[in-house]
Amino acid sequence: MFDTGVGIRNPLFFIGVVENGLDPRHENRVQVRAFGIHGTIDQIPTEDLPWAIVVAGNYHMNTLPQENHWVFGLFLD
């Protein structure tokens, strides 16, 4: 319908589990293993997972999901 314009085209949504919340850059990011995308820990070690920016559904900006919490997200790249 839209041939031109800006925005996110064909975003890839996922459900995953937080494996690391110790962001070395202190930018409130977490490493998430997206189910069906990142495989097992034997295939992709935790340290090789991408860092995810957290957008919380509450009013506490500094609240991050903890390790082993399931999360919902989308890839923007």
N, C-alpha and C. Protein backbone atom coordinates (compact mmCIF):
# COMPACT_ATOMS: atom_id res chain seq x y z
N MET A 1 0.82 -1.19 0.00
CA MET A 1 0.00 0.00 0.00
C MET A 1 0.86 1.25 0.00
N PHE A 2 1.94 1.28 0.81
CA PHE A 2 2.81 2.44 0.87
C PHE A 2 4.10 2.13 0.12
N ASP A 3 4.38 2.86 -0.94
CA ASP A 3 5.59 2.64 -1.73
C ASP A 3 6.78 3.41 -1.20
N THR A 4 6.54 4.51 -0.52
CA THR A 4 7.63 5.33 0.00
C THR A 4 7.35 5.68 1.45
N GLY A 5 8.33 6.24 2.09
CA GLY A 5 8.13 6.67 3.47
C GLY A 5 9.17 6.05 4.38
N VAL A 6 9.03 6.34 5.63
CA VAL A 6 9.97 5.83 6.62
C VAL A 6 9.22 4.93 7.60
N GLY A 7 9.98 4.20 8.35
CA GLY A 7 9.38 3.33 9.36
C GLY A 7 10.06 1.98 9.36
N ILE A 8 9.58 1.12 10.20
CA ILE A 8 10.13 -0.23 10.31
C ILE A 8 9.36 -1.13 9.37
N ARG A 9 10.06 -1.69 8.41
CA ARG A 9 9.41 -2.60 7.46
C ARG A 9 9.75 -4.04 7.82
N ASN A 10 8.74 -4.86 7.91
CA ASN A 10 8.90 -6.29 8.20
C ASN A 10 9.71 -6.56 9.46
N PRO A 11 9.29 -6.04 10.60
CA PRO A 11 10.04 -6.31 11.83
C PRO A 11 9.96 -7.78 12.19
N LEU A 12 11.01 -8.30 12.80
CA LEU A 12 11.05 -9.69 13.25
C LEU A 12 10.82 -9.70 14.76
N PHE A 13 9.67 -10.18 15.17
CA PHE A 13 9.33 -10.26 16.59
C PHE A 13 9.87 -11.56 17.17
N PHE A 14 10.16 -11.55 18.48
CA PHE A 14 10.66 -12.77 19.12
C PHE A 14 10.25 -12.83 20.57
N ILE A 15 10.33 -14.04 21.12
CA ILE A 15 10.25 -14.27 22.56
C ILE A 15 11.57 -14.91 22.93
N GLY A 16 12.13 -14.49 24.05
CA GLY A 16 13.42 -15.02 24.44
C GLY A 16 13.61 -14.99 25.94
N VAL A 17 14.82 -15.35 26.36
CA VAL A 17 15.15 -15.39 27.77
C VAL A 17 16.40 -14.55 28.00
N VAL A 18 16.39 -13.75 29.07
CA VAL A 18 17.55 -12.92 29.42
C VAL A 18 18.63 -13.83 29.99
N GLU A 19 19.83 -13.75 29.42
CA GLU A 19 20.94 -14.57 29.90
C GLU A 19 22.01 -13.76 30.61
N ASN A 20 22.05 -12.44 30.37
CA ASN A 20 23.07 -11.62 31.02
C ASN A 20 22.54 -10.19 31.14
N GLY A 21 22.64 -9.63 32.33
CA GLY A 21 22.20 -8.25 32.54
C GLY A 21 23.32 -7.34 33.01
N LEU A 22 24.56 -7.82 32.93
CA LEU A 22 25.70 -7.02 33.38
C LEU A 22 26.31 -6.29 32.19
N ASP A 23 25.70 -5.19 31.83
CA ASP A 23 26.11 -4.41 30.66
C ASP A 23 27.44 -3.70 30.94
N PRO A 24 28.51 -4.03 30.20
CA PRO A 24 29.80 -3.40 30.47
C PRO A 24 29.81 -1.90 30.16
N ARG A 25 28.90 -1.43 29.32
CA ARG A 25 28.83 -0.01 28.98
C ARG A 25 27.83 0.74 29.86
N HIS A 26 27.16 0.05 30.76
CA HIS A 26 26.20 0.66 31.70
C HIS A 26 25.11 1.45 30.97
N GLU A 27 24.55 0.85 29.91
CA GLU A 27 23.50 1.48 29.12
C GLU A 27 22.15 0.79 29.31
N ASN A 28 22.01 0.04 30.40
CA ASN A 28 20.76 -0.67 30.70
C ASN A 28 20.32 -1.60 29.58
N ARG A 29 21.28 -2.38 29.09
CA ARG A 29 20.98 -3.38 28.06
C ARG A 29 21.09 -4.77 28.68
N VAL A 30 20.50 -5.75 28.00
CA VAL A 30 20.58 -7.15 28.42
C VAL A 30 20.89 -8.01 27.20
N GLN A 31 21.49 -9.16 27.46
CA GLN A 31 21.71 -10.12 26.37
C GLN A 31 20.58 -11.14 26.42
N VAL A 32 19.90 -11.30 25.29
CA VAL A 32 18.72 -12.15 25.20
C VAL A 32 18.96 -13.25 24.18
N ARG A 33 18.59 -14.48 24.55
CA ARG A 33 18.59 -15.59 23.61
C ARG A 33 17.17 -15.69 23.04
N ALA A 34 17.01 -15.32 21.79
CA ALA A 34 15.70 -15.37 21.13
C ALA A 34 15.43 -16.81 20.70
N PHE A 35 14.29 -17.34 21.17
CA PHE A 35 13.94 -18.72 20.86
C PHE A 35 13.76 -18.90 19.35
N GLY A 36 14.36 -19.95 18.82
CA GLY A 36 14.25 -20.25 17.40
C GLY A 36 15.19 -19.45 16.52
N ILE A 37 15.96 -18.54 17.12
CA ILE A 37 16.88 -17.70 16.33
C ILE A 37 18.32 -17.92 16.77
N HIS A 38 18.57 -17.91 18.07
CA HIS A 38 19.94 -18.00 18.57
C HIS A 38 20.36 -19.41 18.96
N GLY A 39 19.54 -20.40 18.77
CA GLY A 39 19.93 -21.77 19.07
C GLY A 39 20.20 -22.00 20.55
N THR A 40 21.03 -23.01 20.81
CA THR A 40 21.35 -23.37 22.19
C THR A 40 22.65 -22.70 22.61
N ILE A 41 22.95 -22.82 23.90
CA ILE A 41 24.18 -22.24 24.43
C ILE A 41 25.41 -22.93 23.82
N ASP A 42 25.26 -24.18 23.39
CA ASP A 42 26.36 -24.88 22.73
C ASP A 42 26.61 -24.31 21.33
N GLN A 43 25.57 -23.83 20.67
CA GLN A 43 25.70 -23.27 19.33
C GLN A 43 26.17 -21.82 19.36
N ILE A 44 25.60 -21.02 20.24
CA ILE A 44 25.98 -19.61 20.39
C ILE A 44 26.15 -19.34 21.88
N PRO A 45 27.39 -19.15 22.34
CA PRO A 45 27.62 -18.86 23.76
C PRO A 45 26.96 -17.54 24.17
N THR A 46 26.66 -17.42 25.45
CA THR A 46 26.00 -16.23 25.98
C THR A 46 26.77 -14.96 25.62
N GLU A 47 28.09 -14.99 25.72
CA GLU A 47 28.88 -13.78 25.45
C GLU A 47 28.79 -13.32 24.00
N ASP A 48 28.32 -14.18 23.09
CA ASP A 48 28.18 -13.80 21.69
C ASP A 48 26.77 -13.32 21.33
N LEU A 49 25.85 -13.35 22.27
CA LEU A 49 24.49 -12.88 22.00
C LEU A 49 24.49 -11.36 21.84
N PRO A 50 23.57 -10.83 21.02
CA PRO A 50 23.50 -9.37 20.87
C PRO A 50 22.93 -8.72 22.12
N TRP A 51 23.27 -7.46 22.31
CA TRP A 51 22.74 -6.67 23.42
C TRP A 51 21.42 -6.06 23.00
N ALA A 52 20.44 -6.11 23.89
CA ALA A 52 19.11 -5.59 23.59
C ALA A 52 18.81 -4.38 24.48
N ILE A 53 18.22 -3.37 23.88
CA ILE A 53 17.76 -2.19 24.62
C ILE A 53 16.43 -2.55 25.26
N VAL A 54 16.26 -2.18 26.51
CA VAL A 54 15.05 -2.53 27.25
C VAL A 54 14.03 -1.40 27.16
N VAL A 55 12.83 -1.74 26.78
CA VAL A 55 11.69 -0.82 26.84
C VAL A 55 10.69 -1.48 27.76
N ALA A 56 10.57 -0.98 28.97
CA ALA A 56 9.72 -1.60 29.98
C ALA A 56 8.29 -1.09 29.88
N GLY A 57 7.38 -1.93 30.28
CA GLY A 57 5.97 -1.57 30.27
C GLY A 57 5.51 -0.97 31.58
N ASN A 58 6.42 -0.31 32.28
CA ASN A 58 6.05 0.33 33.54
C ASN A 58 6.72 1.70 33.60
N TYR A 59 6.63 2.34 34.72
CA TYR A 59 7.16 3.70 34.85
C TYR A 59 8.52 3.75 35.56
N HIS A 60 9.14 2.60 35.75
CA HIS A 60 10.44 2.54 36.41
C HIS A 60 11.52 2.39 35.35
N MET A 61 12.14 3.47 34.96
CA MET A 61 13.09 3.46 33.85
C MET A 61 14.33 2.62 34.13
N ASN A 62 14.72 2.49 35.39
CA ASN A 62 15.94 1.76 35.70
C ASN A 62 15.69 0.31 36.10
N THR A 63 14.50 -0.20 35.84
CA THR A 63 14.19 -1.58 36.16
C THR A 63 14.46 -2.44 34.94
N LEU A 64 15.38 -3.39 35.10
CA LEU A 64 15.72 -4.29 34.01
C LEU A 64 15.19 -5.68 34.31
N PRO A 65 14.85 -6.44 33.26
CA PRO A 65 14.50 -7.84 33.51
C PRO A 65 15.73 -8.59 34.02
N GLN A 66 15.52 -9.51 34.91
CA GLN A 66 16.61 -10.28 35.51
C GLN A 66 16.93 -11.51 34.66
N GLU A 67 18.07 -12.13 34.96
CA GLU A 67 18.44 -13.36 34.26
C GLU A 67 17.32 -14.40 34.42
N ASN A 68 17.09 -15.14 33.37
CA ASN A 68 16.06 -16.19 33.26
C ASN A 68 14.64 -15.65 33.12
N HIS A 69 14.45 -14.33 33.06
CA HIS A 69 13.13 -13.78 32.76
C HIS A 69 12.87 -13.90 31.27
N TRP A 70 11.64 -14.26 30.92
CA TRP A 70 11.26 -14.31 29.52
C TRP A 70 10.86 -12.90 29.08
N VAL A 71 11.24 -12.55 27.86
CA VAL A 71 10.95 -11.22 27.33
C VAL A 71 10.42 -11.32 25.91
N PHE A 72 9.79 -10.26 25.47
CA PHE A 72 9.24 -10.12 24.12
C PHE A 72 9.97 -8.95 23.48
N GLY A 73 10.30 -9.07 22.22
CA GLY A 73 11.00 -7.97 21.57
C GLY A 73 10.91 -8.04 20.06
N LEU A 74 11.65 -7.15 19.42
CA LEU A 74 11.72 -7.17 17.97
C LEU A 74 13.09 -6.67 17.53
N PHE A 75 13.53 -7.21 16.41
CA PHE A 75 14.78 -6.79 15.82
C PHE A 75 14.52 -5.59 14.93
N LEU A 76 15.34 -4.55 15.09
CA LEU A 76 15.19 -3.35 14.26
C LEU A 76 16.20 -3.29 13.14
N ASP A 77 17.10 -4.25 13.07
CA ASP A 77 18.10 -4.25 12.00
C ASP A 77 18.10 -5.56 11.24
